[in-house]
C-alpha atoms as a PDB file:
ATOM      1  CA  UNK A   1      15.964  -9.424 -14.024  1.00  0.00           C
ATOM      2  CA  UNK A   2      15.681  -5.670 -14.481  1.00  0.00           C
ATOM      3  CA  UNK A   3      15.815  -5.983 -18.267  1.00  0.00           C
ATOM      4  CA  UNK A   4      12.940  -8.472 -18.313  1.00  0.00           C
ATOM      5  CA  UNK A   5      10.850  -6.153 -16.154  1.00  0.00           C
ATOM      6  CA  UNK A   6      11.559  -3.165 -18.358  1.00  0.00           C
ATOM      7  CA  UNK A   7      10.766  -5.074 -21.537  1.00  0.00           C
ATOM      8  CA  UNK A   8       7.351  -5.985 -20.160  1.00  0.00           C
ATOM      9  CA  UNK A   9       6.836  -2.423 -18.916  1.00  0.00           C
ATOM     10  CA  UNK A  10       7.799  -0.955 -22.292  1.00  0.00           C
ATOM     11  CA  UNK A  11       5.319  -3.195 -24.074  1.00  0.00           C
ATOM     12  CA  UNK A  12       2.596  -2.272 -21.587  1.00  0.00           C
ATOM     13  CA  UNK A  13       3.348   1.453 -21.660  1.00  0.00           C
ATOM     14  CA  UNK A  14       3.439   1.528 -25.469  1.00  0.00           C
ATOM     15  CA  UNK A  15       0.154  -0.309 -25.863  1.00  0.00           C
ATOM     16  CA  UNK A  16      -1.382   1.705 -23.034  1.00  0.00           C
ATOM     17  CA  UNK A  17      -0.441   5.028 -24.613  1.00  0.00           C
ATOM     18  CA  UNK A  18      -1.910   3.900 -27.933  1.00  0.00           C
ATOM     19  CA  UNK A  19      -5.208   2.844 -26.368  1.00  0.00           C
ATOM     20  CA  UNK A  20      -5.346   5.893 -24.090  1.00  0.00           C
ATOM     21  CA  UNK A  21      -4.748   8.309 -26.960  1.00  0.00           C
ATOM     22  CA  UNK A  22      -7.549   6.698 -28.967  1.00  0.00           C
ATOM     23  CA  UNK A  23      -9.846   6.866 -25.949  1.00  0.00           C
ATOM     24  CA  UNK A  24      -8.854  10.461 -25.220  1.00  0.00           C
ATOM     25  CA  UNK A  25      -9.676  11.499 -28.770  1.00  0.00           C
ATOM     26  CA  UNK A  26     -13.095   9.905 -28.438  1.00  0.00           C
ATOM     27  CA  UNK A  27     -13.751  11.583 -25.077  1.00  0.00           C
ATOM     28  CA  UNK A  28     -12.549  14.928 -26.417  1.00  0.00           C
ATOM     29  CA  UNK A  29     -15.180  14.765 -29.154  1.00  0.00           C
ATOM     30  CA  UNK A  30     -17.929  13.907 -26.656  1.00  0.00           C
ATOM     31  CA  UNK A  31     -17.122  16.426 -23.911  1.00  0.00           C
ATOM     32  CA  UNK A  32     -16.923  20.203 -24.212  1.00  0.00           C
ATOM     33  CA  UNK A  33     -13.763  22.034 -23.151  1.00  0.00           C
ATOM     34  CA  UNK A  34     -11.726  18.917 -22.366  1.00  0.00           C
ATOM     35  CA  UNK A  35      -8.308  18.489 -23.948  1.00  0.00           C
ATOM     36  CA  UNK A  36      -7.732  14.774 -24.361  1.00  0.00           C
ATOM     37  CA  UNK A  37      -4.145  14.490 -25.559  1.00  0.00           C
ATOM     38  CA  UNK A  38      -2.120  16.177 -22.832  1.00  0.00           C
ATOM     39  CA  UNK A  39       1.572  15.315 -23.241  1.00  0.00           C
ATOM     40  CA  UNK A  40       2.400  16.236 -19.645  1.00  0.00           C
ATOM     41  CA  UNK A  41      -0.176  13.786 -18.309  1.00  0.00           C
ATOM     42  CA  UNK A  42       0.904  10.994 -20.633  1.00  0.00           C
ATOM     43  CA  UNK A  43       4.587  11.608 -19.885  1.00  0.00           C
ATOM     44  CA  UNK A  44       4.140  11.711 -16.123  1.00  0.00           C
ATOM     45  CA  UNK A  45       2.043   8.539 -16.156  1.00  0.00           C
ATOM     46  CA  UNK A  46       4.716   6.750 -18.200  1.00  0.00           C
ATOM     47  CA  UNK A  47       7.440   7.978 -15.836  1.00  0.00           C
ATOM     48  CA  UNK A  48       5.524   6.791 -12.766  1.00  0.00           C
ATOM     49  CA  UNK A  49       4.953   3.367 -14.333  1.00  0.00           C
ATOM     50  CA  UNK A  50       8.651   3.094 -15.231  1.00  0.00           C
ATOM     51  CA  UNK A  51       9.661   3.960 -11.654  1.00  0.00           C
ATOM     52  CA  UNK A  52       7.252   1.416 -10.209  1.00  0.00           C
ATOM     53  CA  UNK A  53       8.634  -1.182 -12.610  1.00  0.00           C
ATOM     54  CA  UNK A  54      12.173  -0.358 -11.517  1.00  0.00           C
ATOM     55  CA  UNK A  55      11.272  -0.796  -7.849  1.00  0.00           C
ATOM     56  CA  UNK A  56       9.283  -3.975  -8.489  1.00  0.00           C
ATOM     57  CA  UNK A  57      12.184  -5.514 -10.402  1.00  0.00           C
ATOM     58  CA  UNK A  58      15.111  -4.205  -8.376  1.00  0.00           C
ATOM     59  CA  UNK A  59      13.980  -5.191  -4.875  1.00  0.00           C
ATOM     60  CA  UNK A  60      13.548  -8.950  -5.563  1.00  0.00           C
ATOM     61  CA  UNK A  61      16.713  -9.012  -7.700  1.00  0.00           C
ATOM     62  CA  UNK A  62      18.706  -7.437  -4.872  1.00  0.00           C
ATOM     63  CA  UNK A  63      17.354  -9.960  -2.366  1.00  0.00           C
ATOM     64  CA  UNK A  64      18.181 -12.845  -4.678  1.00  0.00           C
ATOM     65  CA  UNK A  65      21.705 -11.541  -5.227  1.00  0.00           C
ATOM     66  CA  UNK A  66      22.381 -11.522  -1.481  1.00  0.00           C
ATOM     67  CA  UNK A  67      21.679 -15.244  -1.070  1.00  0.00           C
ATOM     68  CA  UNK A  68      24.567 -17.656  -1.395  1.00  0.00           C
ATOM     69  CA  UNK A  69      23.796 -19.859  -4.432  1.00  0.00           C
ATOM     70  CA  UNK A  70      24.653 -23.045  -2.540  1.00  0.00           C
ATOM     71  CA  UNK A  71      21.973 -22.484   0.126  1.00  0.00           C
ATOM     72  CA  UNK A  72      18.890 -22.796  -2.158  1.00  0.00           C
ATOM     73  CA  UNK A  73      20.492 -25.689  -4.013  1.00  0.00           C
ATOM     74  CA  UNK A  74      21.022 -27.609  -0.760  1.00  0.00           C
ATOM     75  CA  UNK A  75      17.422 -27.128   0.324  1.00  0.00           C
ATOM     76  CA  UNK A  76      16.140 -28.951  -2.746  1.00  0.00           C
END
């Protein structure tokens, strides 16, 4: 469950960084005194997204692991 969440997050973060860097370069050329490609900003945003992905994948997986497998099978 965690692996599937991180695969989707990695795809999203990679494509997001590519699009954001292209957009930042465009904005940097249009605005004066703005540095568009800030590695600290990109890195912290990627870290925050990875942590949110971990929480969003871990919490449901932990709940599902606590349930006895026979209980959901009996209800159907």
